[in-house]
Amino acid sequence: MLKHFLVVITAISACSFLYGVYNYNVEIESNACQMTYMFAPPQFSRIDFEENDKFRNYGLYYYNEGRISIEVHNTQFTGAPVIFVPGNGGSYKQVRSLASVALRKARESATGIHLDYFTIDYNEELSALYGDYLERQTLYLKTCIKIVRKLYKSTEQAAVIIVGHSMGAVVAQAVLRDPEFSKFINTIVSLSSPINKPILVLDEKIHAFYKSINKNISVRRSSLKLNKNSNFCCATCSRFLISNHTNNADKNLKNVLIITIGGGNRDVLVPPGFTISKYSDIHAMTMSIPKVWLSCDHLSAVWCLQLVQVINRYMFDISVSDKQNFIYFTKDRIRREQAALTHFVKLNINQSKEINIEQEGRHNSVWREDTLRVFSKAFKEGSKSNFIQLIPLRRHKKHTKLCIDVTQLESDDFLFGCTVKSRFKNDWFCQDKASLSHNFQILPSIKNKMRSVAILDINNLKKTYVNWTHVGFFVRASRKPKVYHVDMFNPAERNMVFNLPRWSTFQKTILVNESSQGTLYYKLLVQGIEETFPTIELRIVPLSCIGDLNSIIIKMCIPWAPGFNKYQIIRYLNAT
């Protein structure tokens, strides 16, 4: 009997293993990360200090590139300091991708902004398996913060950004327990880290370490509290986490911005749910970060070029220089919040700005008003003159949503609303104008053609701007090809609800039998998900299409999980 039981258990284990291999290699998306390359030999210059005697197996290094290594203590550092903290079994050399991209970006920039990257060697200790390592690594990180500060003459450069990978981010968050050091931390960027709770508790000291972090930080910084009404798919929810931490008694912890980033499906070591901290200001999965749009496995998070570039762009955006050309990270929390939202949540190439439509539209401009609900316009060879598309707000009363889809949107193009009046035939002008360009969202690109979509609530616009008659889209004269589509619709016709069966079923449910020509937008609400195992297959079958068949993008949003958005591009016919 026992023999048969062992045979069954062995067979089940083998089948489970084979299914896991199949799932990882077939079901999970392939690695689309671009490799980061160095264009000069990397140099790691060791920084010696007295406290090294207490940590003989550890080391602090400064990263540079070139054939000649530098003497750190004889170098005047003027850049904004960044400390990289490796994770479980990680190497200090993993900083190469982040630091190399930052070096090239600084050399190509005319602003003089540059970053100084430091990296910590923890002797590749397995900190996820043995708790004693974590407290010792935290103590050494605090020592390194103190040593790095001493390398700078400017007191403004006292605050550092810590980029932690895997368990390195947990160690970085542990430093916040000490008010003497938390005041020197500007931002913590967590990469694929089990920052809220451990993956495995093989050691009681690991559990005690996490418990100590929560106990100390929770009394000085509010934590995320979810309930049945939590909805992170709303239009204004991108600031929900930030507003959760802006009313703290502890000024030092309030000033620290915590950005947590998860790798998504490809990271089989740290599941997505483990990557968000209760104290996060911003959380994003790599597959929803603008200009990344892909899932990273656990190790590629430190070298994936798309992600590395976004992280460096954020740090460059919050860097400022003083009169002596010393670079430091701004203390302005609002500026840092906006930069983080822009780079990690919602990229706006067209920020709200003052527009002069009278001056822009008077010379070399073509005005056009369309009364149709659905229409398109293409500039296949660019536009020789400025083009102003007017969309009336009060003609279609039942159709209260407006979707504008633009391919190759440029920073000089803008969306606006105003009261349109006419001096005489075909001579229009605007009054009470305001920019609406901040409503544009960047979507994953296809064939390097940037796609931007804005969805406007017409009823809200009419209530807010009672005199407005039109929404306008300004296309500046350019040689760049451009296409835009307009779809004004009734939300009741585009919002669909699907109730997931309690038990598995192979029955197909047709949600949309056939869409109308020019339809741009549908919203599907899936209800009844009470367990973690149910799956749903969404199949899109093109019947008859006009235009590019590869332009279908699906955005999946989980209401109760901040940052867990995913975009899927339908590239082939009959795709799933």
Protein backbone atom coordinates (compact mmCIF):
# COMPACT_ATOMS: atom_id res chain seq x y z
CA MET A 1 0.00 0.00 0.00
CA LEU A 2 2.79 2.38 0.94
CA LYS A 3 4.60 1.57 -2.29
CA HIS A 4 1.54 2.49 -4.37
CA PHE A 5 1.11 5.69 -2.39
CA LEU A 6 4.72 6.74 -3.06
CA VAL A 7 4.30 5.96 -6.74
CA VAL A 8 1.22 8.20 -6.92
CA ILE A 9 2.95 11.02 -5.05
CA THR A 10 6.00 10.73 -7.33
CA ALA A 11 3.80 10.81 -10.44
CA ILE A 12 1.91 13.88 -9.21
CA SER A 13 5.18 15.64 -8.38
CA ALA A 14 6.64 14.85 -11.80
CA CYS A 15 3.50 16.10 -13.56
CA SER A 16 3.52 19.27 -11.48
CA PHE A 17 7.18 19.85 -12.31
CA LEU A 18 6.58 19.34 -16.04
CA TYR A 19 3.58 21.67 -15.94
CA GLY A 20 5.70 24.28 -14.19
CA VAL A 21 8.37 24.02 -16.89
CA TYR A 22 5.67 24.30 -19.58
CA ASN A 23 4.03 27.27 -17.87
CA TYR A 24 7.32 29.13 -17.46
CA ASN A 25 8.48 28.58 -21.03
CA VAL A 26 5.17 28.81 -22.90
CA GLU A 27 2.53 30.58 -20.88
CA ILE A 28 4.78 33.29 -19.40
CA GLU A 29 5.90 35.97 -21.84
CA SER A 30 9.42 35.81 -23.20
CA ASN A 31 12.14 38.09 -21.90
CA ALA A 32 11.96 41.26 -24.00
CA CYS A 33 14.47 43.27 -21.96
CA GLN A 34 17.26 44.92 -23.91
CA MET A 35 20.74 44.36 -22.56
CA THR A 36 22.70 47.29 -21.11
CA TYR A 37 26.25 47.64 -22.39
CA MET A 38 29.27 49.55 -21.12
CA PHE A 39 31.31 51.49 -23.67
CA ALA A 40 34.39 51.72 -21.45
CA PRO A 41 35.94 49.34 -18.90
CA PRO A 42 34.00 49.51 -15.59
CA GLN A 43 36.03 50.58 -12.58
CA PHE A 44 35.10 49.85 -8.96
CA SER A 45 37.17 52.02 -6.64
CA ARG A 46 37.16 50.75 -3.07
CA ILE A 47 36.56 53.32 -0.33
CA ASP A 48 38.55 52.55 2.81
CA PHE A 49 37.51 53.88 6.20
CA GLU A 50 38.10 53.03 9.86
CA GLU A 51 34.84 51.14 10.34
CA ASN A 52 35.97 48.59 7.74
CA ASP A 53 37.75 46.75 10.55
CA LYS A 54 34.33 45.89 12.02
CA PHE A 55 33.06 44.62 8.66
CA ARG A 56 36.00 42.79 7.14
CA ASN A 57 33.86 40.89 4.62
CA TYR A 58 32.04 43.98 3.36
CA GLY A 59 33.10 46.84 1.12
CA LEU A 60 31.96 50.18 -0.31
CA TYR A 61 32.87 51.07 -3.91
CA TYR A 62 32.52 54.03 -6.25
CA TYR A 63 31.64 53.23 -9.86
CA ASN A 64 33.37 54.88 -12.78
CA GLU A 65 34.37 53.94 -16.31
CA GLY A 66 37.74 54.21 -17.99
CA ARG A 67 41.09 52.48 -18.06
CA ILE A 68 42.48 54.37 -15.07
CA SER A 69 40.93 53.90 -11.65
CA ILE A 70 40.50 56.98 -9.47
CA GLU A 71 41.63 57.65 -5.92
CA VAL A 72 38.35 58.29 -4.11
CA HIS A 73 39.72 60.26 -1.17
CA ASN A 74 41.54 62.65 -3.53
CA THR A 75 38.46 63.24 -5.69
CA GLN A 76 36.00 66.09 -5.28
CA PHE A 77 32.53 64.67 -5.79
CA THR A 78 29.95 67.08 -7.18
CA GLY A 79 27.17 64.76 -8.36
CA ALA A 80 24.03 63.66 -6.55
CA PRO A 81 24.83 60.49 -4.54
CA VAL A 82 23.13 57.15 -5.23
CA ILE A 83 23.84 54.01 -3.19
CA PHE A 84 23.08 50.60 -4.71
CA VAL A 85 22.32 47.78 -2.25
CA PRO A 86 22.41 44.22 -3.69
CA GLY A 87 20.10 41.49 -2.49
CA ASN A 88 20.29 37.83 -1.55
CA GLY A 89 23.51 36.45 -3.01
CA GLY A 90 23.81 39.60 -5.12
CA SER A 91 27.03 41.22 -6.29
CA TYR A 92 28.04 44.84 -5.87
CA LYS A 93 28.89 44.77 -9.59
CA GLN A 94 25.17 44.62 -10.44
CA VAL A 95 25.23 48.43 -10.26
CA ARG A 96 26.97 48.54 -13.66
CA SER A 97 23.84 48.94 -15.77
CA LEU A 98 22.29 51.71 -13.67
CA ALA A 99 25.54 53.60 -13.27
CA SER A 100 26.71 53.23 -16.88
CA VAL A 101 23.44 54.57 -18.27
CA ALA A 102 23.66 57.49 -15.83
CA LEU A 103 27.20 58.28 -16.96
CA ARG A 104 26.22 58.36 -20.63
CA LYS A 105 23.14 60.44 -19.88
CA ALA A 106 25.25 62.98 -17.98
CA ARG A 107 27.80 63.25 -20.79
CA GLU A 108 25.06 63.87 -23.35
CA SER A 109 23.29 66.45 -21.18
CA ALA A 110 23.97 70.18 -21.43
CA THR A 111 22.58 70.89 -17.95
CA GLY A 112 25.61 69.61 -16.04
CA ILE A 113 23.41 67.29 -13.98
CA HIS A 114 25.20 64.06 -13.08
CA LEU A 115 24.98 61.27 -10.51
CA ASP A 116 27.63 59.59 -8.37
CA TYR A 117 26.94 55.87 -7.97
CA PHE A 118 28.24 53.97 -4.95
CA THR A 119 27.70 50.26 -4.43
CA ILE A 120 27.96 47.93 -1.43
CA ASP A 121 29.66 44.55 -1.37
CA TYR A 122 27.94 42.18 1.07
CA ASN A 123 30.15 39.28 0.06
CA GLU A 124 27.16 37.75 -1.75
CA GLU A 125 25.63 36.66 1.55
CA LEU A 126 22.37 34.69 1.43
CA SER A 127 20.44 37.24 3.47
CA ALA A 128 17.04 35.78 2.54
CA LEU A 129 17.93 32.53 4.32
CA TYR A 130 19.75 33.67 7.45
CA GLY A 131 18.47 36.52 9.62
CA ASP A 132 21.75 37.46 11.31
CA TYR A 133 23.01 38.84 8.01
CA LEU A 134 20.18 41.39 7.78
CA GLU A 135 20.94 43.36 10.95
CA ARG A 136 24.65 43.40 10.15
CA GLN A 137 23.97 44.57 6.59
CA THR A 138 21.66 47.32 7.91
CA LEU A 139 24.36 48.55 10.27
CA TYR A 140 26.89 48.61 7.44
CA LEU A 141 24.50 50.49 5.15
CA LYS A 142 24.09 53.19 7.81
CA THR A 143 27.87 53.39 8.06
CA CYS A 144 28.13 53.75 4.28
CA ILE A 145 25.58 56.59 4.28
CA LYS A 146 27.72 58.40 6.83
CA ILE A 147 30.93 57.81 4.82
CA VAL A 148 29.39 58.89 1.50
CA ARG A 149 28.17 62.14 3.10
CA LYS A 150 31.71 62.91 4.21
CA LEU A 151 32.91 62.81 0.59
CA TYR A 152 30.91 65.94 -0.25
CA LYS A 153 31.63 69.52 0.70
CA SER A 154 28.11 70.78 0.10
CA THR A 155 25.63 70.14 2.92
CA GLU A 156 22.83 70.13 0.34
CA GLN A 157 24.23 66.85 -0.97
CA ALA A 158 23.64 65.16 2.39
CA ALA A 159 20.53 63.27 1.21
CA VAL A 160 21.07 60.10 -0.85
CA ILE A 161 18.88 57.90 -3.00
CA ILE A 162 19.08 54.21 -2.19
CA VAL A 163 18.33 51.69 -4.94
CA GLY A 164 17.80 48.28 -3.39
CA HIS A 165 17.40 45.03 -5.28
CA SER A 166 15.62 42.08 -3.66
CA MET A 167 16.61 41.87 0.03
CA GLY A 168 18.71 45.00 -0.45
CA ALA A 169 15.52 47.07 -0.47
CA VAL A 170 14.42 45.43 2.79
CA VAL A 171 17.73 46.45 4.35
CA ALA A 172 17.26 49.99 2.98
CA GLN A 173 13.79 50.22 4.52
CA ALA A 174 15.22 48.97 7.81
CA VAL A 175 17.44 52.07 7.98
CA LEU A 176 14.26 54.14 8.35
CA ARG A 177 13.94 52.77 11.88
CA ASP A 178 16.77 55.11 12.93
CA PRO A 179 15.79 58.82 12.84
CA GLU A 180 19.46 59.80 12.81
CA PHE A 181 19.85 58.25 9.37
CA SER A 182 16.36 58.43 7.86
CA LYS A 183 16.77 62.21 7.57
CA PHE A 184 19.63 61.63 5.10
CA ILE A 185 17.53 59.49 2.73
CA ASN A 186 15.77 61.29 -0.10
CA THR A 187 14.17 58.33 -1.90
CA ILE A 188 14.22 54.54 -1.69
CA VAL A 189 13.72 52.67 -4.98
CA SER A 190 12.87 49.01 -4.39
CA LEU A 191 13.43 46.54 -7.25
CA SER A 192 11.73 43.12 -7.13
CA SER A 193 11.90 43.01 -3.35
CA PRO A 194 9.83 41.04 -0.81
CA ILE A 195 9.70 44.29 1.06
CA ASN A 196 6.53 43.75 3.05
CA LYS A 197 6.99 40.15 4.19
CA PRO A 198 9.54 37.37 3.58
CA ILE A 199 9.10 34.73 0.90
CA LEU A 200 10.41 32.00 3.20
CA VAL A 201 10.79 32.08 6.96
CA LEU A 202 13.59 29.61 7.54
CA ASP A 203 14.98 31.56 10.46
CA GLU A 204 13.17 33.17 13.39
CA LYS A 205 15.49 36.16 13.10
CA ILE A 206 14.17 36.91 9.60
CA HIS A 207 10.65 37.12 11.00
CA ALA A 208 11.92 39.30 13.88
CA PHE A 209 13.70 41.61 11.42
CA TYR A 210 10.54 42.29 9.39
CA LYS A 211 8.52 42.67 12.59
CA SER A 212 11.00 45.23 13.91
CA ILE A 213 10.71 47.28 10.71
CA ASN A 214 6.92 47.36 10.87
CA LYS A 215 6.87 48.14 14.58
CA ASN A 216 9.27 51.08 14.32
CA ILE A 217 8.04 52.62 11.08
CA SER A 218 4.30 52.19 11.70
CA VAL A 219 4.33 54.61 14.64
CA ARG A 220 5.97 57.32 12.52
CA ARG A 221 4.48 56.74 9.09
CA SER A 222 0.94 55.74 8.11
CA SER A 223 0.45 52.49 6.23
CA LEU A 224 -1.82 51.44 3.40
CA LYS A 225 -5.20 50.15 4.57
CA LEU A 226 -7.42 48.42 2.04
CA ASN A 227 -11.14 47.78 2.31
CA LYS A 228 -13.93 46.49 0.07
CA ASN A 229 -14.38 49.97 -1.43
CA SER A 230 -10.74 50.38 -2.46
CA ASN A 231 -10.46 51.11 -6.18
CA PHE A 232 -7.10 51.80 -7.78
CA CYS A 233 -8.54 51.82 -11.30
CA CYS A 234 -10.16 55.23 -10.94
CA ALA A 235 -8.89 58.25 -12.86
CA THR A 236 -7.52 60.02 -9.77
CA CYS A 237 -6.23 57.00 -7.84
CA SER A 238 -2.59 57.51 -8.92
CA ARG A 239 -2.19 59.87 -5.97
CA PHE A 240 -3.94 57.61 -3.45
CA LEU A 241 -0.80 56.08 -2.01
CA ILE A 242 0.93 59.45 -1.85
CA SER A 243 -1.93 61.10 0.05
CA ASN A 244 -1.78 58.18 2.46
CA HIS A 245 1.60 59.36 3.77
CA THR A 246 1.45 63.15 3.69
CA ASN A 247 0.11 63.77 7.19
CA ASN A 248 2.74 62.21 9.39
CA ALA A 249 4.03 63.55 12.67
CA ASP A 250 7.61 62.51 11.86
CA LYS A 251 8.97 65.06 9.42
CA ASN A 252 11.98 62.94 8.45
CA LEU A 253 9.94 59.91 7.43
CA LYS A 254 7.39 62.11 5.69
CA ASN A 255 10.14 63.47 3.47
CA VAL A 256 11.36 60.02 2.36
CA LEU A 257 9.72 58.90 -0.89
CA ILE A 258 9.37 55.12 -1.19
CA ILE A 259 8.98 53.72 -4.71
CA THR A 260 8.42 49.97 -5.01
CA ILE A 261 8.68 48.15 -8.36
CA GLY A 262 7.69 44.54 -9.08
CA GLY A 263 8.81 42.42 -12.00
CA GLY A 264 5.49 40.74 -12.77
CA ASN A 265 4.87 37.27 -14.20
CA ARG A 266 8.48 36.54 -15.16
CA ASP A 267 9.75 37.00 -11.61
CA VAL A 268 9.18 33.50 -10.21
CA LEU A 269 11.26 34.20 -7.08
CA VAL A 270 9.31 37.17 -5.73
CA PRO A 271 5.58 37.10 -6.61
CA PRO A 272 3.97 40.47 -7.45
CA GLY A 273 2.00 40.64 -4.19
CA PHE A 274 5.20 40.67 -2.13
CA THR A 275 6.73 43.67 -3.91
CA ILE A 276 4.56 46.46 -2.48
CA SER A 277 5.37 47.97 0.89
CA LYS A 278 2.68 49.10 3.30
CA TYR A 279 4.57 52.39 3.33
CA SER A 280 4.94 52.84 -0.43
CA ASP A 281 4.26 56.22 -1.99
CA ILE A 282 4.38 54.81 -5.53
CA HIS A 283 4.01 51.20 -6.58
CA ALA A 284 4.25 49.94 -10.14
CA MET A 285 4.80 46.68 -11.96
CA THR A 286 7.35 46.89 -14.76
CA MET A 287 4.72 45.86 -17.30
CA SER A 288 2.69 49.01 -16.52
CA ILE A 289 5.58 51.52 -16.32
CA PRO A 290 5.53 53.86 -19.34
CA LYS A 291 8.26 53.08 -21.86
CA VAL A 292 8.98 49.74 -20.16
CA TRP A 293 5.75 47.78 -20.78
CA LEU A 294 7.25 44.35 -20.08
CA SER A 295 7.76 41.86 -17.29
CA CYS A 296 11.24 41.43 -15.79
CA ASP A 297 12.58 38.31 -14.13
CA HIS A 298 14.27 38.67 -10.76
CA LEU A 299 17.80 39.25 -12.03
CA SER A 300 17.03 41.25 -15.16
CA ALA A 301 15.46 43.99 -13.02
CA VAL A 302 18.97 45.39 -12.44
CA TRP A 303 20.10 45.32 -16.08
CA CYS A 304 16.92 45.67 -18.16
CA LEU A 305 17.70 48.73 -20.27
CA GLN A 306 14.10 49.94 -20.52
CA LEU A 307 13.70 49.95 -16.72
CA VAL A 308 17.19 51.25 -15.97
CA GLN A 309 16.57 54.25 -18.23
CA VAL A 310 13.29 55.14 -16.49
CA ILE A 311 14.87 54.97 -13.03
CA ASN A 312 17.72 57.25 -14.12
CA ARG A 313 15.33 59.69 -15.80
CA TYR A 314 13.48 60.03 -12.51
CA MET A 315 16.69 60.73 -10.59
CA PHE A 316 17.88 63.26 -13.16
CA ASP A 317 14.51 65.02 -13.06
CA ILE A 318 14.69 65.59 -9.30
CA SER A 319 18.34 66.74 -9.41
CA VAL A 320 19.21 70.42 -9.12
CA SER A 321 22.46 72.38 -8.97
CA ASP A 322 23.56 75.28 -6.79
CA LYS A 323 25.71 78.29 -7.61
CA GLN A 324 28.89 76.26 -7.10
CA ASN A 325 27.65 73.59 -9.55
CA PHE A 326 27.15 71.02 -6.80
CA ILE A 327 24.37 68.62 -7.76
CA TYR A 328 21.87 67.38 -5.19
CA PHE A 329 18.42 65.82 -5.01
CA THR A 330 15.67 68.31 -4.36
CA LYS A 331 13.96 68.30 -0.97
CA ASP A 332 10.71 69.45 -2.56
CA ARG A 333 8.45 66.47 -1.98
CA ILE A 334 5.75 67.70 -4.38
CA ARG A 335 8.27 67.89 -7.20
CA ARG A 336 9.54 64.39 -6.43
CA GLU A 337 6.00 63.04 -6.25
CA GLN A 338 5.12 64.52 -9.63
CA ALA A 339 8.31 63.19 -11.20
CA ALA A 340 7.64 59.71 -9.78
CA LEU A 341 4.06 59.72 -11.03
CA THR A 342 5.20 60.88 -14.46
CA HIS A 343 7.92 58.26 -14.91
CA PHE A 344 6.47 55.25 -13.08
CA VAL A 345 2.69 55.65 -13.34
CA LYS A 346 1.44 57.96 -16.08
CA LEU A 347 3.76 59.57 -18.59
CA ASN A 348 2.56 62.93 -19.92
CA ILE A 349 4.57 64.41 -22.75
CA ASN A 350 2.00 67.22 -22.88
CA GLN A 351 1.75 68.74 -19.42
CA SER A 352 -0.84 71.41 -18.67
CA LYS A 353 0.55 74.63 -20.07
CA GLU A 354 -0.54 78.09 -21.03
CA ILE A 355 -1.71 78.15 -24.62
CA ASN A 356 -2.38 81.03 -26.95
CA ILE A 357 -4.75 79.54 -29.45
CA GLU A 358 -5.56 82.95 -30.94
CA GLN A 359 -1.95 83.56 -31.89
CA GLU A 360 -1.26 79.94 -32.83
CA GLY A 361 -4.44 79.61 -34.86
CA ARG A 362 -4.35 82.94 -36.67
CA HIS A 363 -1.33 82.41 -38.90
CA ASN A 364 -0.82 79.49 -41.27
CA SER A 365 -3.61 77.48 -39.65
CA VAL A 366 -6.57 75.45 -40.85
CA TRP A 367 -9.67 75.20 -38.62
CA ARG A 368 -12.06 72.30 -39.07
CA GLU A 369 -15.25 71.39 -37.22
CA ASP A 370 -16.68 67.85 -37.44
CA THR A 371 -20.19 67.13 -36.23
CA LEU A 372 -19.85 63.36 -36.65
CA ARG A 373 -19.46 61.23 -33.56
CA VAL A 374 -16.80 59.02 -35.14
CA PHE A 375 -14.17 60.20 -37.59
CA SER A 376 -10.46 60.06 -38.38
CA LYS A 377 -7.81 62.26 -39.91
CA ALA A 378 -4.44 61.20 -41.30
CA PHE A 379 -1.40 63.29 -42.20
CA LYS A 380 0.60 60.67 -44.06
CA GLU A 381 3.33 63.09 -45.07
CA GLY A 382 2.95 65.48 -42.17
CA SER A 383 1.08 68.78 -42.11
CA LYS A 384 2.33 71.86 -43.95
CA SER A 385 0.22 74.16 -41.79
CA ASN A 386 -1.13 74.14 -38.25
CA PHE A 387 -4.36 72.17 -38.03
CA ILE A 388 -7.07 72.77 -35.42
CA GLN A 389 -9.73 70.07 -35.09
CA LEU A 390 -12.92 71.24 -33.30
CA ILE A 391 -15.31 68.77 -31.67
CA PRO A 392 -18.70 70.18 -30.51
CA LEU A 393 -19.70 69.29 -26.95
CA ARG A 394 -23.45 69.89 -27.01
CA ARG A 395 -24.61 68.26 -30.24
CA HIS A 396 -24.84 64.63 -29.04
CA LYS A 397 -26.55 64.71 -25.64
CA LYS A 398 -26.60 60.96 -24.98
CA HIS A 399 -22.96 60.49 -25.88
CA THR A 400 -21.09 61.77 -22.83
CA LYS A 401 -17.62 60.26 -23.31
CA LEU A 402 -15.01 61.38 -25.81
CA CYS A 403 -12.03 59.23 -26.78
CA ILE A 404 -9.19 60.71 -28.85
CA ASP A 405 -6.52 58.31 -30.09
CA VAL A 406 -3.37 59.89 -31.58
CA THR A 407 -0.43 58.15 -33.22
CA GLN A 408 2.87 60.07 -33.07
CA LEU A 409 1.72 62.78 -30.67
CA GLU A 410 4.37 65.49 -30.30
CA SER A 411 5.09 67.85 -27.40
CA ASP A 412 3.96 70.86 -29.47
CA ASP A 413 0.52 69.33 -30.08
CA PHE A 414 -2.10 70.01 -27.45
CA LEU A 415 -5.67 69.29 -26.46
CA PHE A 416 -7.82 72.14 -25.21
CA GLY A 417 -11.36 73.29 -24.58
CA CYS A 418 -12.91 76.68 -25.20
CA THR A 419 -15.89 78.74 -26.29
CA VAL A 420 -15.65 79.01 -30.08
CA LYS A 421 -16.95 82.17 -31.75
CA SER A 422 -16.86 83.39 -35.33
CA ARG A 423 -15.97 86.86 -36.58
CA PHE A 424 -17.17 85.99 -40.06
CA LYS A 425 -17.33 82.88 -42.24
CA ASN A 426 -14.48 80.44 -41.58
CA ASP A 427 -12.77 82.88 -39.19
CA TRP A 428 -13.03 81.36 -35.72
CA PHE A 429 -11.48 82.28 -32.40
CA CYS A 430 -11.53 80.86 -28.84
CA GLN A 431 -12.51 82.32 -25.49
CA ASP A 432 -12.25 80.87 -21.95
CA LYS A 433 -9.67 78.38 -23.15
CA ALA A 434 -7.89 75.81 -20.97
CA SER A 435 -5.49 72.97 -21.68
CA LEU A 436 -6.65 69.37 -21.50
CA SER A 437 -3.36 67.83 -22.65
CA HIS A 438 -2.72 66.32 -19.22
CA ASN A 439 -5.45 63.79 -20.01
CA PHE A 440 -3.30 62.07 -22.63
CA GLN A 441 -1.88 58.70 -21.59
CA ILE A 442 0.99 57.00 -23.37
CA LEU A 443 0.23 53.41 -24.44
CA PRO A 444 2.65 50.65 -25.46
CA SER A 445 4.10 51.44 -28.86
CA ILE A 446 3.80 49.26 -31.93
CA LYS A 447 6.57 49.46 -34.54
CA ASN A 448 8.00 52.45 -32.61
CA LYS A 449 4.90 54.50 -33.32
CA MET A 450 3.98 56.20 -30.07
CA ARG A 451 0.29 55.99 -29.29
CA SER A 452 -1.54 58.39 -26.93
CA VAL A 453 -5.14 58.23 -25.78
CA ALA A 454 -7.28 60.76 -23.92
CA ILE A 455 -10.72 59.89 -22.55
CA LEU A 456 -12.80 62.91 -21.52
CA ASP A 457 -16.05 63.07 -19.56
CA ILE A 458 -18.16 65.57 -21.48
CA ASN A 459 -20.67 66.05 -18.66
CA ASN A 460 -17.90 67.01 -16.24
CA LEU A 461 -16.45 69.44 -18.76
CA LYS A 462 -19.82 71.11 -19.29
CA LYS A 463 -20.37 71.44 -15.53
CA THR A 464 -16.89 72.80 -14.90
CA TYR A 465 -16.79 75.11 -17.94
CA VAL A 466 -20.41 76.07 -18.48
CA ASN A 467 -19.68 78.28 -21.49
CA TRP A 468 -17.53 75.83 -23.40
CA THR A 469 -18.82 74.81 -26.81
CA HIS A 470 -15.94 72.71 -28.21
CA VAL A 471 -12.99 70.53 -27.44
CA GLY A 472 -10.11 71.22 -29.79
CA PHE A 473 -7.01 69.34 -30.87
CA PHE A 474 -4.11 71.45 -32.17
CA VAL A 475 -1.69 69.77 -34.59
CA ARG A 476 1.42 71.83 -35.21
CA ALA A 477 2.90 71.93 -38.69
CA SER A 478 5.42 69.11 -39.00
CA ARG A 479 6.88 66.68 -41.50
CA LYS A 480 6.16 63.78 -39.15
CA PRO A 481 3.27 61.50 -40.22
CA LYS A 482 0.38 61.58 -37.79
CA VAL A 483 -3.04 59.97 -37.41
CA TYR A 484 -5.83 60.67 -34.96
CA HIS A 485 -9.19 59.02 -34.38
CA VAL A 486 -12.19 60.47 -32.53
CA ASP A 487 -14.96 58.42 -30.94
CA MET A 488 -17.80 60.06 -29.00
CA PHE A 489 -19.90 57.38 -27.32
CA ASN A 490 -22.58 56.51 -24.82
CA PRO A 491 -20.90 54.80 -21.80
CA ALA A 492 -23.90 52.52 -21.32
CA GLU A 493 -23.15 50.96 -24.73
CA ARG A 494 -19.45 50.41 -24.07
CA ASN A 495 -19.41 49.27 -20.43
CA MET A 496 -19.85 45.51 -20.10
CA VAL A 497 -20.19 43.32 -17.01
CA PHE A 498 -19.21 39.64 -16.87
CA ASN A 499 -20.04 37.53 -13.80
CA LEU A 500 -17.44 34.83 -13.38
CA PRO A 501 -19.05 31.43 -12.67
CA ARG A 502 -18.44 29.94 -9.25
CA TRP A 503 -17.19 26.70 -10.77
CA SER A 504 -15.18 26.08 -13.90
CA THR A 505 -17.06 26.15 -17.17
CA PHE A 506 -16.04 25.92 -20.79
CA GLN A 507 -19.11 27.79 -21.98
CA LYS A 508 -18.37 30.76 -24.22
CA THR A 509 -20.07 34.09 -23.61
CA ILE A 510 -20.23 36.63 -26.44
CA LEU A 511 -19.72 40.11 -24.98
CA VAL A 512 -19.72 42.09 -28.24
CA ASN A 513 -21.14 40.43 -31.32
CA GLU A 514 -19.83 43.09 -33.68
CA SER A 515 -18.44 46.53 -32.95
CA SER A 516 -19.32 49.59 -34.96
CA GLN A 517 -16.82 51.03 -37.41
CA GLY A 518 -14.52 53.49 -35.67
CA THR A 519 -15.11 52.15 -32.17
CA LEU A 520 -12.07 52.93 -30.01
CA TYR A 521 -12.97 51.93 -26.48
CA TYR A 522 -14.68 49.21 -24.44
CA LYS A 523 -14.67 48.66 -20.69
CA LEU A 524 -15.16 45.18 -19.23
CA LEU A 525 -15.88 44.66 -15.51
CA VAL A 526 -15.28 41.09 -14.31
CA GLN A 527 -17.20 40.28 -11.13
CA GLY A 528 -17.29 37.27 -8.86
CA ILE A 529 -13.55 36.71 -8.40
CA GLU A 530 -13.44 35.34 -4.87
CA GLU A 531 -10.51 32.93 -5.11
CA THR A 532 -7.00 33.14 -6.52
CA PHE A 533 -7.28 30.27 -8.99
CA PRO A 534 -10.07 31.27 -11.48
CA THR A 535 -8.91 32.24 -14.97
CA ILE A 536 -10.69 33.92 -17.84
CA GLU A 537 -9.84 33.77 -21.55
CA LEU A 538 -10.67 36.84 -23.59
CA ARG A 539 -10.72 36.18 -27.33
CA ILE A 540 -10.88 38.96 -29.93
CA VAL A 541 -11.79 37.89 -33.47
CA PRO A 542 -11.56 40.60 -36.18
CA LEU A 543 -14.44 40.20 -38.65
CA SER A 544 -13.72 43.02 -41.05
CA CYS A 545 -11.20 45.73 -40.27
CA ILE A 546 -10.21 48.97 -41.91
CA GLY A 547 -6.70 50.13 -41.12
CA ASP A 548 -4.00 48.63 -38.91
CA LEU A 549 -5.00 45.27 -37.43
CA ASN A 550 -2.20 45.43 -34.88
CA SER A 551 -3.65 48.33 -32.92
CA ILE A 552 -5.69 46.51 -30.26
CA ILE A 553 -4.40 47.12 -26.74
CA ILE A 554 -5.91 45.56 -23.63
CA LYS A 555 -5.29 47.17 -20.24
CA MET A 556 -5.96 44.98 -17.23
CA CYS A 557 -6.42 46.76 -13.91
CA ILE A 558 -6.90 45.14 -10.49
CA PRO A 559 -8.99 47.52 -8.33
CA TRP A 560 -7.73 46.34 -4.93
CA ALA A 561 -4.02 46.25 -5.82
CA PRO A 562 -2.24 49.56 -6.52
CA GLY A 563 0.13 49.49 -9.48
CA PHE A 564 -0.95 46.06 -10.73
CA ASN A 565 -1.85 47.12 -14.26
CA LYS A 566 -0.88 45.17 -17.33
CA TYR A 567 -1.03 46.00 -21.03
CA GLN A 568 -1.41 43.35 -23.71
CA ILE A 569 -0.92 44.16 -27.39
CA ILE A 570 -2.94 42.02 -29.80
CA ARG A 571 -0.49 41.53 -32.66
CA TYR A 572 -2.13 38.75 -34.65
CA LEU A 573 -5.55 37.81 -35.92
CA ASN A 574 -7.63 35.57 -33.66
CA ALA A 575 -5.32 36.36 -30.77
CA THR A 576 -6.13 35.59 -27.16
